[in-house]
Amino acid sequence: MSRTTVLTKQQIIQCAYDIARDTGRKAITIREIGKRLGKSTAPIYTQYPSVEAIFTDLIIFIKKQIINSTQIKRTINSFLNIGVGFIAYVLENKLIFNDFFLSMDDSLLNIGGEEHSHLDQMKQNPFISVLTDEQLINISNDMRIYTYGLATMICIGSDGNHELDFYQRKLEETGNSLMKYYLYSSGKYELVMEKILKKFSKHIDIEEVFKQ
């Protein structure tokens, strides 16, 4: 007897992801996955009963890819890395953002599941680490709206053809404004400035600076 061809769920989901990235969500079928993997549809059906079941795991896979991108240290600012990471992902995967965020009846943004929190990543930023979790969540939500807006403009081509550093500057400007607003409104702006001055004073001779 010939051995039955075996495909893992990881292979199938990766293939479905590649199809979505290359030609779009509608091109994902069990037949197309089999064709790309050089297999019949039979080993795919041993892992997934339908293409809808594949989509369930594919959405989880996409979310992980986005989270991984937001955690890459592209700048020295841990907070800024979140937005830059998302935009970097969109620039490389426009079809996926368009199909799974903008075009689906049930957008990836609305699909349930374990949500990833960037709070710990945000708290690494000394400027906003003094804020409460609720305030940090509010900043995150405000930046998410702005970042998704930029991503949408990228996908529909209404913002020109820019590189990542262009969007990084946009995110940095908006993020700084938001941080200042929340620090001022919470009465903690002076506290942060005091901490920064103390930190720099340890490395700089203030008297020498004023002499110059």
N, C-alpha and C. Protein backbone atom coordinates (compact mmCIF):
# COMPACT_ATOMS: atom_id res chain seq x y z
N MET A 1 0.84 -1.21 0.00
CA MET A 1 0.00 0.00 0.00
C MET A 1 0.88 1.26 0.00
N SER A 2 0.46 2.26 -0.77
CA SER A 2 1.22 3.51 -0.80
C SER A 2 0.90 4.34 0.43
N ARG A 3 1.89 5.05 0.89
CA ARG A 3 1.69 5.87 2.07
C ARG A 3 0.81 7.08 1.75
N THR A 4 -0.08 7.42 2.68
CA THR A 4 -0.97 8.57 2.48
C THR A 4 -0.19 9.87 2.66
N THR A 5 -0.35 10.78 1.72
CA THR A 5 0.30 12.07 1.81
C THR A 5 -0.23 12.84 3.01
N VAL A 6 0.68 13.41 3.81
CA VAL A 6 0.27 14.13 5.01
C VAL A 6 0.66 15.60 4.88
N LEU A 7 -0.28 16.46 5.19
CA LEU A 7 -0.02 17.89 5.27
C LEU A 7 -0.37 18.36 6.67
N THR A 8 0.44 19.22 7.22
CA THR A 8 0.14 19.76 8.54
C THR A 8 -0.75 20.99 8.40
N LYS A 9 -1.41 21.34 9.50
CA LYS A 9 -2.23 22.56 9.49
C LYS A 9 -1.36 23.79 9.22
N GLN A 10 -0.15 23.77 9.75
CA GLN A 10 0.75 24.89 9.54
C GLN A 10 1.07 25.09 8.06
N GLN A 11 1.31 24.01 7.35
CA GLN A 11 1.58 24.10 5.91
C GLN A 11 0.37 24.66 5.15
N ILE A 12 -0.79 24.19 5.53
CA ILE A 12 -2.03 24.62 4.84
C ILE A 12 -2.30 26.10 5.10
N ILE A 13 -2.16 26.53 6.35
CA ILE A 13 -2.43 27.92 6.69
C ILE A 13 -1.39 28.84 6.05
N GLN A 14 -0.15 28.42 6.05
CA GLN A 14 0.89 29.24 5.42
C GLN A 14 0.61 29.39 3.93
N CYS A 15 0.16 28.32 3.30
CA CYS A 15 -0.16 28.38 1.88
C CYS A 15 -1.36 29.29 1.64
N ALA A 16 -2.39 29.18 2.47
CA ALA A 16 -3.56 30.05 2.34
C ALA A 16 -3.16 31.52 2.52
N TYR A 17 -2.25 31.76 3.45
CA TYR A 17 -1.75 33.12 3.69
C TYR A 17 -1.01 33.65 2.47
N ASP A 18 -0.18 32.82 1.87
CA ASP A 18 0.56 33.22 0.67
C ASP A 18 -0.39 33.56 -0.49
N ILE A 19 -1.45 32.78 -0.61
CA ILE A 19 -2.45 33.05 -1.66
C ILE A 19 -3.12 34.39 -1.40
N ALA A 20 -3.51 34.62 -0.14
CA ALA A 20 -4.18 35.88 0.21
C ALA A 20 -3.27 37.07 -0.05
N ARG A 21 -2.01 36.93 0.26
CA ARG A 21 -1.05 38.01 0.07
C ARG A 21 -0.77 38.28 -1.41
N ASP A 22 -0.74 37.20 -2.19
CA ASP A 22 -0.37 37.33 -3.61
C ASP A 22 -1.54 37.72 -4.51
N THR A 23 -2.69 37.08 -4.30
CA THR A 23 -3.80 37.28 -5.24
C THR A 23 -5.13 37.63 -4.57
N GLY A 24 -5.18 37.62 -3.24
CA GLY A 24 -6.41 38.04 -2.56
C GLY A 24 -7.17 36.90 -1.91
N ARG A 25 -8.03 37.29 -0.97
CA ARG A 25 -8.80 36.33 -0.17
C ARG A 25 -9.69 35.43 -1.02
N LYS A 26 -10.31 35.98 -2.06
CA LYS A 26 -11.25 35.20 -2.85
C LYS A 26 -10.59 34.05 -3.61
N ALA A 27 -9.27 34.14 -3.76
CA ALA A 27 -8.55 33.08 -4.49
C ALA A 27 -8.27 31.87 -3.62
N ILE A 28 -8.57 31.96 -2.33
CA ILE A 28 -8.29 30.84 -1.43
C ILE A 28 -9.38 29.78 -1.55
N THR A 29 -9.02 28.64 -2.09
CA THR A 29 -9.90 27.48 -2.14
C THR A 29 -9.07 26.26 -1.77
N ILE A 30 -9.73 25.21 -1.39
CA ILE A 30 -9.01 23.98 -1.04
C ILE A 30 -8.29 23.44 -2.28
N ARG A 31 -8.91 23.57 -3.43
CA ARG A 31 -8.27 23.12 -4.67
C ARG A 31 -7.00 23.92 -4.96
N GLU A 32 -7.07 25.26 -4.77
CA GLU A 32 -5.90 26.10 -5.04
C GLU A 32 -4.78 25.82 -4.05
N ILE A 33 -5.13 25.58 -2.80
CA ILE A 33 -4.12 25.24 -1.81
C ILE A 33 -3.42 23.94 -2.20
N GLY A 34 -4.21 22.96 -2.59
CA GLY A 34 -3.63 21.69 -3.03
C GLY A 34 -2.72 21.86 -4.22
N LYS A 35 -3.15 22.69 -5.17
CA LYS A 35 -2.37 22.93 -6.38
C LYS A 35 -1.03 23.56 -6.02
N ARG A 36 -1.05 24.54 -5.13
CA ARG A 36 0.19 25.21 -4.75
C ARG A 36 1.13 24.29 -4.00
N LEU A 37 0.57 23.39 -3.22
CA LEU A 37 1.40 22.47 -2.44
C LEU A 37 1.76 21.22 -3.23
N GLY A 38 1.24 21.12 -4.45
CA GLY A 38 1.54 19.95 -5.28
C GLY A 38 0.88 18.69 -4.77
N LYS A 39 -0.29 18.82 -4.14
CA LYS A 39 -1.01 17.68 -3.57
C LYS A 39 -2.45 17.68 -4.06
N SER A 40 -3.13 16.58 -3.81
CA SER A 40 -4.56 16.54 -4.07
C SER A 40 -5.28 17.22 -2.91
N THR A 41 -6.59 17.32 -3.00
CA THR A 41 -7.35 17.95 -1.91
C THR A 41 -7.53 17.02 -0.72
N ALA A 42 -7.32 15.73 -0.92
CA ALA A 42 -7.58 14.74 0.15
C ALA A 42 -6.82 15.02 1.44
N PRO A 43 -5.49 15.26 1.41
CA PRO A 43 -4.78 15.50 2.67
C PRO A 43 -5.19 16.80 3.35
N ILE A 44 -5.73 17.73 2.58
CA ILE A 44 -6.22 18.98 3.19
C ILE A 44 -7.49 18.71 3.97
N TYR A 45 -8.36 17.88 3.41
CA TYR A 45 -9.61 17.55 4.09
C TYR A 45 -9.39 16.72 5.35
N THR A 46 -8.24 16.08 5.47
CA THR A 46 -7.96 15.34 6.71
C THR A 46 -7.69 16.31 7.87
N GLN A 47 -7.32 17.54 7.53
CA GLN A 47 -7.03 18.54 8.56
C GLN A 47 -8.16 19.55 8.73
N TYR A 48 -8.83 19.88 7.63
CA TYR A 48 -9.91 20.88 7.67
C TYR A 48 -11.11 20.38 6.89
N PRO A 49 -12.30 20.44 7.50
CA PRO A 49 -13.50 19.94 6.81
C PRO A 49 -14.01 20.89 5.72
N SER A 50 -13.57 22.17 5.76
CA SER A 50 -14.08 23.15 4.79
C SER A 50 -13.12 24.32 4.70
N VAL A 51 -13.30 25.14 3.68
CA VAL A 51 -12.46 26.33 3.54
C VAL A 51 -12.78 27.33 4.64
N GLU A 52 -14.02 27.30 5.14
CA GLU A 52 -14.39 28.20 6.25
C GLU A 52 -13.56 27.90 7.49
N ALA A 53 -13.30 26.62 7.73
CA ALA A 53 -12.47 26.23 8.87
C ALA A 53 -11.04 26.71 8.69
N ILE A 54 -10.58 26.69 7.47
CA ILE A 54 -9.23 27.21 7.17
C ILE A 54 -9.17 28.70 7.48
N PHE A 55 -10.24 29.42 7.11
CA PHE A 55 -10.27 30.85 7.35
C PHE A 55 -10.20 31.18 8.84
N THR A 56 -10.80 30.36 9.67
CA THR A 56 -10.76 30.59 11.12
C THR A 56 -9.33 30.62 11.63
N ASP A 57 -8.54 29.62 11.22
CA ASP A 57 -7.14 29.58 11.64
C ASP A 57 -6.30 30.61 10.90
N LEU A 58 -6.67 30.94 9.68
CA LEU A 58 -5.93 31.93 8.91
C LEU A 58 -6.02 33.30 9.58
N ILE A 59 -7.18 33.63 10.09
CA ILE A 59 -7.37 34.92 10.76
C ILE A 59 -6.49 35.01 12.00
N ILE A 60 -6.42 33.92 12.76
CA ILE A 60 -5.54 33.88 13.93
C ILE A 60 -4.09 34.06 13.50
N PHE A 61 -3.72 33.42 12.40
CA PHE A 61 -2.36 33.51 11.87
C PHE A 61 -2.03 34.95 11.47
N ILE A 62 -2.97 35.62 10.80
CA ILE A 62 -2.75 37.00 10.38
C ILE A 62 -2.56 37.90 11.59
N LYS A 63 -3.39 37.72 12.61
CA LYS A 63 -3.26 38.53 13.82
C LYS A 63 -1.88 38.36 14.44
N LYS A 64 -1.37 37.13 14.47
CA LYS A 64 -0.05 36.88 15.04
C LYS A 64 1.04 37.56 14.23
N GLN A 65 0.88 37.54 12.89
CA GLN A 65 1.86 38.19 12.03
C GLN A 65 1.90 39.69 12.30
N ILE A 66 0.75 40.28 12.50
CA ILE A 66 0.69 41.72 12.77
C ILE A 66 1.31 42.04 14.13
N ILE A 67 0.96 41.24 15.15
CA ILE A 67 1.52 41.45 16.48
C ILE A 67 3.04 41.33 16.45
N ASN A 68 3.54 40.33 15.76
CA ASN A 68 4.98 40.15 15.65
C ASN A 68 5.63 41.37 15.01
N SER A 69 4.97 41.94 14.00
CA SER A 69 5.52 43.12 13.33
C SER A 69 5.56 44.33 14.26
N THR A 70 4.55 44.46 15.13
CA THR A 70 4.51 45.61 16.05
C THR A 70 5.54 45.49 17.17
N GLN A 71 6.10 44.32 17.36
CA GLN A 71 7.07 44.11 18.43
C GLN A 71 8.52 44.18 17.94
N ILE A 72 8.72 44.39 16.65
CA ILE A 72 10.07 44.54 16.12
C ILE A 72 10.60 45.92 16.50
N LYS A 73 11.85 45.96 16.94
CA LYS A 73 12.45 47.22 17.38
C LYS A 73 12.97 47.99 16.17
N ARG A 74 12.09 48.76 15.54
CA ARG A 74 12.47 49.55 14.38
C ARG A 74 12.95 50.94 14.78
N THR A 75 12.56 51.40 15.98
CA THR A 75 13.00 52.70 16.50
C THR A 75 13.37 52.50 17.97
N ILE A 76 13.91 53.55 18.60
CA ILE A 76 14.26 53.45 20.02
C ILE A 76 13.04 53.69 20.90
N ASN A 77 11.93 54.07 20.29
CA ASN A 77 10.69 54.38 21.00
C ASN A 77 9.77 53.15 20.97
N SER A 78 9.59 52.51 22.12
CA SER A 78 8.79 51.28 22.18
C SER A 78 7.34 51.53 21.81
N PHE A 79 6.81 52.70 22.14
CA PHE A 79 5.44 53.06 21.81
C PHE A 79 5.30 53.27 20.30
N LEU A 80 6.25 53.98 19.73
CA LEU A 80 6.22 54.25 18.30
C LEU A 80 6.33 52.97 17.48
N ASN A 81 7.07 52.00 18.00
CA ASN A 81 7.25 50.73 17.28
C ASN A 81 5.93 50.01 16.99
N ILE A 82 4.93 50.23 17.83
CA ILE A 82 3.64 49.57 17.63
C ILE A 82 3.00 50.05 16.33
N GLY A 83 2.89 51.36 16.18
CA GLY A 83 2.28 51.91 14.98
C GLY A 83 3.11 51.70 13.74
N VAL A 84 4.43 51.87 13.88
CA VAL A 84 5.32 51.67 12.73
C VAL A 84 5.27 50.21 12.27
N GLY A 85 5.20 49.30 13.23
CA GLY A 85 5.13 47.88 12.90
C GLY A 85 3.87 47.54 12.14
N PHE A 86 2.76 48.15 12.53
CA PHE A 86 1.50 47.89 11.83
C PHE A 86 1.55 48.42 10.41
N ILE A 87 2.05 49.65 10.25
CA ILE A 87 2.13 50.25 8.92
C ILE A 87 3.11 49.46 8.04
N ALA A 88 4.21 48.99 8.63
CA ALA A 88 5.17 48.19 7.87
C ALA A 88 4.51 46.93 7.34
N TYR A 89 3.67 46.32 8.17
CA TYR A 89 2.95 45.13 7.74
C TYR A 89 2.00 45.46 6.58
N VAL A 90 1.28 46.56 6.70
CA VAL A 90 0.32 46.93 5.66
C VAL A 90 1.02 47.23 4.34
N LEU A 91 2.15 47.94 4.41
CA LEU A 91 2.90 48.26 3.18
C LEU A 91 3.33 46.99 2.45
N GLU A 92 3.62 45.94 3.19
CA GLU A 92 4.08 44.68 2.58
C GLU A 92 2.92 43.74 2.26
N ASN A 93 1.74 44.02 2.82
CA ASN A 93 0.60 43.11 2.65
C ASN A 93 -0.69 43.88 2.40
N LYS A 94 -0.70 44.70 1.37
CA LYS A 94 -1.86 45.56 1.11
C LYS A 94 -3.13 44.75 0.83
N LEU A 95 -3.00 43.66 0.09
CA LEU A 95 -4.18 42.85 -0.21
C LEU A 95 -4.79 42.25 1.04
N ILE A 96 -3.95 41.82 1.97
CA ILE A 96 -4.46 41.23 3.20
C ILE A 96 -5.20 42.27 4.03
N PHE A 97 -4.62 43.47 4.15
CA PHE A 97 -5.32 44.51 4.90
C PHE A 97 -6.63 44.87 4.23
N ASN A 98 -6.62 45.00 2.92
CA ASN A 98 -7.84 45.35 2.19
C ASN A 98 -8.91 44.27 2.34
N ASP A 99 -8.52 43.01 2.21
CA ASP A 99 -9.49 41.91 2.21
C ASP A 99 -9.98 41.53 3.60
N PHE A 100 -9.10 41.62 4.59
CA PHE A 100 -9.47 41.14 5.93
C PHE A 100 -9.85 42.26 6.89
N PHE A 101 -9.51 43.50 6.56
CA PHE A 101 -9.85 44.62 7.43
C PHE A 101 -10.93 45.50 6.81
N LEU A 102 -10.88 45.70 5.50
CA LEU A 102 -11.75 46.68 4.86
C LEU A 102 -12.93 46.10 4.11
N SER A 103 -12.80 44.87 3.60
CA SER A 103 -13.79 44.34 2.67
C SER A 103 -14.67 43.23 3.21
N MET A 104 -14.25 42.55 4.26
CA MET A 104 -15.04 41.43 4.77
C MET A 104 -16.31 41.91 5.44
N ASP A 105 -17.37 41.12 5.31
CA ASP A 105 -18.63 41.44 6.00
C ASP A 105 -18.39 41.49 7.50
N ASP A 106 -17.57 40.55 7.98
CA ASP A 106 -17.18 40.54 9.39
C ASP A 106 -15.68 40.79 9.44
N SER A 107 -15.29 42.06 9.55
CA SER A 107 -13.89 42.44 9.48
C SER A 107 -13.07 41.72 10.52
N LEU A 108 -11.80 41.53 10.21
CA LEU A 108 -10.88 40.92 11.17
C LEU A 108 -10.88 41.69 12.48
N LEU A 109 -11.14 43.00 12.40
CA LEU A 109 -11.17 43.81 13.60
C LEU A 109 -12.32 43.44 14.54
N ASN A 110 -13.38 42.85 13.99
CA ASN A 110 -14.57 42.54 14.79
C ASN A 110 -14.66 41.08 15.20
N ILE A 111 -13.72 40.27 14.72
CA ILE A 111 -13.77 38.84 15.02
C ILE A 111 -13.22 38.58 16.40
N GLY A 112 -13.92 37.79 17.17
CA GLY A 112 -13.54 37.53 18.54
C GLY A 112 -12.26 36.74 18.67
N GLY A 113 -11.86 36.54 19.90
CA GLY A 113 -10.63 35.82 20.15
C GLY A 113 -9.79 36.58 21.16
N GLU A 114 -8.71 35.97 21.57
CA GLU A 114 -7.85 36.60 22.56
C GLU A 114 -7.20 37.85 21.98
N GLU A 115 -7.37 38.97 22.65
CA GLU A 115 -6.81 40.22 22.18
C GLU A 115 -5.43 40.43 22.78
N HIS A 116 -4.54 40.95 21.96
CA HIS A 116 -3.19 41.24 22.42
C HIS A 116 -3.14 42.64 22.99
N SER A 117 -2.51 42.79 24.15
CA SER A 117 -2.37 44.10 24.76
C SER A 117 -0.94 44.60 24.57
N HIS A 118 -0.81 45.86 24.20
CA HIS A 118 0.50 46.48 24.04
C HIS A 118 0.87 47.30 25.27
N LEU A 119 0.16 47.13 26.37
CA LEU A 119 0.40 47.95 27.55
C LEU A 119 1.84 47.83 28.05
N ASP A 120 2.35 46.61 28.15
CA ASP A 120 3.72 46.42 28.65
C ASP A 120 4.72 47.11 27.73
N GLN A 121 4.45 47.04 26.43
CA GLN A 121 5.33 47.69 25.46
C GLN A 121 5.27 49.21 25.62
N MET A 122 4.08 49.74 25.87
CA MET A 122 3.92 51.17 26.05
C MET A 122 4.61 51.65 27.32
N LYS A 123 4.57 50.83 28.37
CA LYS A 123 5.14 51.22 29.66
C LYS A 123 6.67 51.31 29.62
N GLN A 124 7.27 50.79 28.56
CA GLN A 124 8.72 50.90 28.42
C GLN A 124 9.12 52.32 28.03
N ASN A 125 8.14 53.11 27.58
CA ASN A 125 8.40 54.50 27.20
C ASN A 125 8.37 55.37 28.47
N PRO A 126 9.49 55.98 28.86
CA PRO A 126 9.54 56.72 30.13
C PRO A 126 8.60 57.92 30.17
N PHE A 127 8.24 58.46 29.01
CA PHE A 127 7.38 59.64 28.99
C PHE A 127 5.96 59.32 29.45
N ILE A 128 5.47 58.12 29.15
CA ILE A 128 4.08 57.80 29.49
C ILE A 128 3.95 56.69 30.53
N SER A 129 5.08 56.22 31.05
CA SER A 129 5.02 55.13 32.03
C SER A 129 4.35 55.57 33.33
N VAL A 130 4.25 56.89 33.55
CA VAL A 130 3.63 57.40 34.77
C VAL A 130 2.10 57.41 34.68
N LEU A 131 1.57 57.19 33.50
CA LEU A 131 0.12 57.22 33.32
C LEU A 131 -0.52 55.92 33.78
N THR A 132 -1.81 55.96 34.05
CA THR A 132 -2.54 54.77 34.48
C THR A 132 -2.80 53.86 33.29
N ASP A 133 -3.16 52.62 33.57
CA ASP A 133 -3.47 51.68 32.49
C ASP A 133 -4.64 52.20 31.64
N GLU A 134 -5.62 52.80 32.30
CA GLU A 134 -6.77 53.33 31.57
C GLU A 134 -6.35 54.43 30.61
N GLN A 135 -5.46 55.31 31.05
CA GLN A 135 -4.98 56.38 30.19
C GLN A 135 -4.16 55.83 29.02
N LEU A 136 -3.35 54.81 29.32
CA LEU A 136 -2.54 54.20 28.26
C LEU A 136 -3.44 53.52 27.22
N ILE A 137 -4.50 52.89 27.69
CA ILE A 137 -5.45 52.25 26.77
C ILE A 137 -6.12 53.30 25.89
N ASN A 138 -6.46 54.45 26.49
CA ASN A 138 -7.07 55.53 25.71
C ASN A 138 -6.11 56.05 24.63
N ILE A 139 -4.84 56.19 24.98
CA ILE A 139 -3.84 56.62 24.01
C ILE A 139 -3.72 55.58 22.90
N SER A 140 -3.69 54.31 23.30
CA SER A 140 -3.58 53.22 22.32
C SER A 140 -4.76 53.23 21.35
N ASN A 141 -5.96 53.43 21.88
CA ASN A 141 -7.16 53.45 21.03
C ASN A 141 -7.14 54.64 20.07
N ASP A 142 -6.70 55.80 20.56
CA ASP A 142 -6.62 56.99 19.71
C ASP A 142 -5.60 56.79 18.59
N MET A 143 -4.46 56.20 18.93
CA MET A 143 -3.43 55.96 17.93
C MET A 143 -3.86 54.88 16.95
N ARG A 144 -4.65 53.92 17.43
CA ARG A 144 -5.15 52.86 16.55
C ARG A 144 -6.04 53.45 15.46
N ILE A 145 -6.91 54.37 15.85
CA ILE A 145 -7.78 55.03 14.87
C ILE A 145 -6.95 55.74 13.81
N TYR A 146 -5.94 56.49 14.27
CA TYR A 146 -5.10 57.23 13.33
C TYR A 146 -4.29 56.28 12.44
N THR A 147 -3.75 55.23 13.04
CA THR A 147 -2.93 54.28 12.28
C THR A 147 -3.75 53.55 11.24
N TYR A 148 -4.97 53.11 11.61
CA TYR A 148 -5.85 52.44 10.65
C TYR A 148 -6.25 53.38 9.52
N GLY A 149 -6.37 54.66 9.86
CA GLY A 149 -6.67 55.65 8.82
C GLY A 149 -5.54 55.74 7.81
N LEU A 150 -4.31 55.79 8.31
CA LEU A 150 -3.16 55.81 7.41
C LEU A 150 -3.11 54.54 6.56
N ALA A 151 -3.37 53.40 7.21
CA ALA A 151 -3.33 52.12 6.50
C ALA A 151 -4.38 52.08 5.39
N THR A 152 -5.55 52.62 5.67
CA THR A 152 -6.61 52.65 4.66
C THR A 152 -6.21 53.52 3.48
N MET A 153 -5.61 54.67 3.77
CA MET A 153 -5.16 55.56 2.70
C MET A 153 -4.08 54.89 1.85
N ILE A 154 -3.22 54.11 2.49
CA ILE A 154 -2.19 53.38 1.76
C ILE A 154 -2.83 52.39 0.79
N CYS A 155 -3.84 51.67 1.27
CA CYS A 155 -4.45 50.61 0.45
C CYS A 155 -5.29 51.14 -0.69
N ILE A 156 -5.92 52.29 -0.50
CA ILE A 156 -6.75 52.83 -1.57
C ILE A 156 -5.96 53.79 -2.46
N GLY A 157 -4.69 54.02 -2.10
CA GLY A 157 -3.81 54.82 -2.93
C GLY A 157 -4.09 56.31 -2.92
N SER A 158 -4.70 56.80 -1.85
CA SER A 158 -5.07 58.22 -1.81
C SER A 158 -4.01 59.09 -1.15
N ASP A 159 -2.91 58.47 -0.69
CA ASP A 159 -1.90 59.23 0.04
C ASP A 159 -0.55 59.21 -0.69
N GLY A 160 -0.58 58.90 -1.96
CA GLY A 160 0.68 58.86 -2.70
C GLY A 160 1.42 57.57 -2.45
N ASN A 161 2.63 57.51 -2.93
CA ASN A 161 3.45 56.30 -2.80
C ASN A 161 4.64 56.61 -1.91
N HIS A 162 4.49 56.41 -0.60
CA HIS A 162 5.52 56.79 0.36
C HIS A 162 6.19 55.56 0.96
N GLU A 163 7.42 55.78 1.46
CA GLU A 163 8.15 54.73 2.16
C GLU A 163 7.77 54.75 3.64
N LEU A 164 8.25 53.75 4.37
CA LEU A 164 7.89 53.60 5.78
C LEU A 164 8.32 54.80 6.62
N ASP A 165 9.48 55.39 6.32
CA ASP A 165 9.96 56.49 7.14
C ASP A 165 9.02 57.70 7.11
N PHE A 166 8.29 57.87 6.00
CA PHE A 166 7.30 58.95 5.90
C PHE A 166 6.20 58.74 6.93
N TYR A 167 5.68 57.53 7.01
CA TYR A 167 4.61 57.23 7.95
C TYR A 167 5.13 57.20 9.39
N GLN A 168 6.39 56.85 9.55
CA GLN A 168 6.98 56.87 10.88
C GLN A 168 6.97 58.29 11.44
N ARG A 169 7.31 59.26 10.62
CA ARG A 169 7.29 60.66 11.06
C ARG A 169 5.87 61.10 11.40
N LYS A 170 4.90 60.68 10.59
CA LYS A 170 3.50 61.02 10.85
C LYS A 170 3.05 60.46 12.21
N LEU A 171 3.39 59.21 12.44
CA LEU A 171 3.00 58.55 13.69
C LEU A 171 3.70 59.18 14.89
N GLU A 172 4.95 59.53 14.69
CA GLU A 172 5.71 60.14 15.79
C GLU A 172 5.12 61.49 16.18
N GLU A 173 4.78 62.30 15.21
CA GLU A 173 4.19 63.61 15.48
C GLU A 173 2.86 63.48 16.22
N THR A 174 2.01 62.60 15.73
CA THR A 174 0.70 62.41 16.35
C THR A 174 0.82 61.78 17.73
N GLY A 175 1.70 60.80 17.86
CA GLY A 175 1.92 60.15 19.15
C GLY A 175 2.44 61.11 20.19
N ASN A 176 3.37 61.99 19.81
CA ASN A 176 3.90 62.98 20.75
C ASN A 176 2.81 63.94 21.21
N SER A 177 1.96 64.34 20.28
CA SER A 177 0.87 65.24 20.64
C SER A 177 -0.09 64.58 21.63
N LEU A 178 -0.40 63.32 21.39
CA LEU A 178 -1.29 62.59 22.29
C LEU A 178 -0.68 62.42 23.67
N MET A 179 0.60 62.07 23.70
CA MET A 179 1.27 61.89 25.00
C MET A 179 1.27 63.19 25.80
N LYS A 180 1.57 64.31 25.13
CA LYS A 180 1.58 65.60 25.82
C LYS A 180 0.19 65.94 26.35
N TYR A 181 -0.83 65.66 25.54
CA TYR A 181 -2.20 65.95 25.97
C TYR A 181 -2.55 65.18 27.25
N TYR A 182 -2.29 63.89 27.24
CA TYR A 182 -2.64 63.07 28.41
C TYR A 182 -1.78 63.40 29.62
N LEU A 183 -0.52 63.75 29.39
CA LEU A 183 0.34 64.13 30.51
C LEU A 183 -0.12 65.45 31.11
N TYR A 184 -0.45 66.42 30.27
CA TYR A 184 -0.95 67.70 30.76
C TYR A 184 -2.27 67.54 31.50
N SER A 185 -3.21 66.80 30.89
CA SER A 185 -4.54 66.65 31.47
C SER A 185 -4.51 65.87 32.78
N SER A 186 -3.50 65.03 32.95
CA SER A 186 -3.38 64.25 34.19
C SER A 186 -2.55 64.97 35.24
N GLY A 187 -1.96 66.11 34.85
CA GLY A 187 -1.13 66.87 35.79
C GLY A 187 0.23 66.25 36.04
N LYS A 188 0.67 65.38 35.14
CA LYS A 188 1.93 64.66 35.36
C LYS A 188 3.04 65.10 34.42
N TYR A 189 2.78 66.13 33.64
CA TYR A 189 3.79 66.59 32.68
C TYR A 189 5.04 67.09 33.40
N GLU A 190 4.86 67.89 34.45
CA GLU A 190 5.99 68.42 35.20
C GLU A 190 6.79 67.30 35.84
N LEU A 191 6.09 66.27 36.32
CA LEU A 191 6.77 65.13 36.95
C LEU A 191 7.69 64.44 35.96
N VAL A 192 7.20 64.25 34.74
CA VAL A 192 8.01 63.60 33.70
C VAL A 192 9.22 64.45 33.35
N MET A 193 9.01 65.76 33.19
CA MET A 193 10.12 66.66 32.86
C MET A 193 11.17 66.66 33.95
N GLU A 194 10.72 66.60 35.20
CA GLU A 194 11.64 66.57 36.33
C GLU A 194 12.50 65.30 36.30
N LYS A 195 11.86 64.16 35.98
CA LYS A 195 12.60 62.90 35.90
C LYS A 195 13.63 62.93 34.78
N ILE A 196 13.24 63.53 33.67
CA ILE A 196 14.15 63.59 32.52
C ILE A 196 15.35 64.47 32.84
N LEU A 197 15.10 65.62 33.49
CA LEU A 197 16.19 66.51 33.85
C LEU A 197 17.15 65.86 34.83
N LYS A 198 16.60 65.10 35.77
CA LYS A 198 17.45 64.40 36.74
C LYS A 198 18.32 63.36 36.05
N LYS A 199 17.72 62.67 35.09
CA LYS A 199 18.46 61.63 34.37
C LYS A 199 19.60 62.24 33.57
N PHE A 200 19.33 63.37 32.89
CA PHE A 200 20.36 64.00 32.08
C PHE A 200 21.42 64.67 32.95
N SER A 201 21.02 65.17 34.10
CA SER A 201 21.97 65.86 34.97
C SER A 201 23.04 64.91 35.53
N LYS A 202 22.73 63.62 35.53
CA LYS A 202 23.71 62.64 36.01
C LYS A 202 24.85 62.46 35.01
N HIS A 203 24.58 62.79 33.76
CA HIS A 203 25.57 62.58 32.71
C HIS A 203 26.15 63.90 32.19
N ILE A 204 25.52 65.02 32.56
CA ILE A 204 25.97 66.31 32.05
C ILE A 204 26.27 67.25 33.22
N ASP A 205 27.36 67.93 33.15
CA ASP A 205 27.71 68.93 34.15
C ASP A 205 26.95 70.21 33.82
N ILE A 206 25.85 70.46 34.54
CA ILE A 206 24.98 71.59 34.25
C ILE A 206 25.74 72.91 34.33
N GLU A 207 26.62 73.04 35.32
CA GLU A 207 27.37 74.30 35.48
C GLU A 207 28.24 74.57 34.27
N GLU A 208 28.86 73.51 33.73
CA GLU A 208 29.69 73.67 32.56
C GLU A 208 28.87 74.09 31.34
N VAL A 209 27.63 73.57 31.26
CA VAL A 209 26.75 73.93 30.14
C VAL A 209 26.44 75.42 30.16
N PHE A 210 26.16 75.96 31.36
CA PHE A 210 25.81 77.37 31.47
C PHE A 210 27.03 78.30 31.28
N LYS A 211 28.21 77.76 31.51
CA LYS A 211 29.41 78.55 31.31
C LYS A 211 29.69 78.81 29.85
N GLN A 212 29.24 77.88 28.98
CA GLN A 212 29.59 77.94 27.57
C GLN A 212 28.84 79.01 26.80
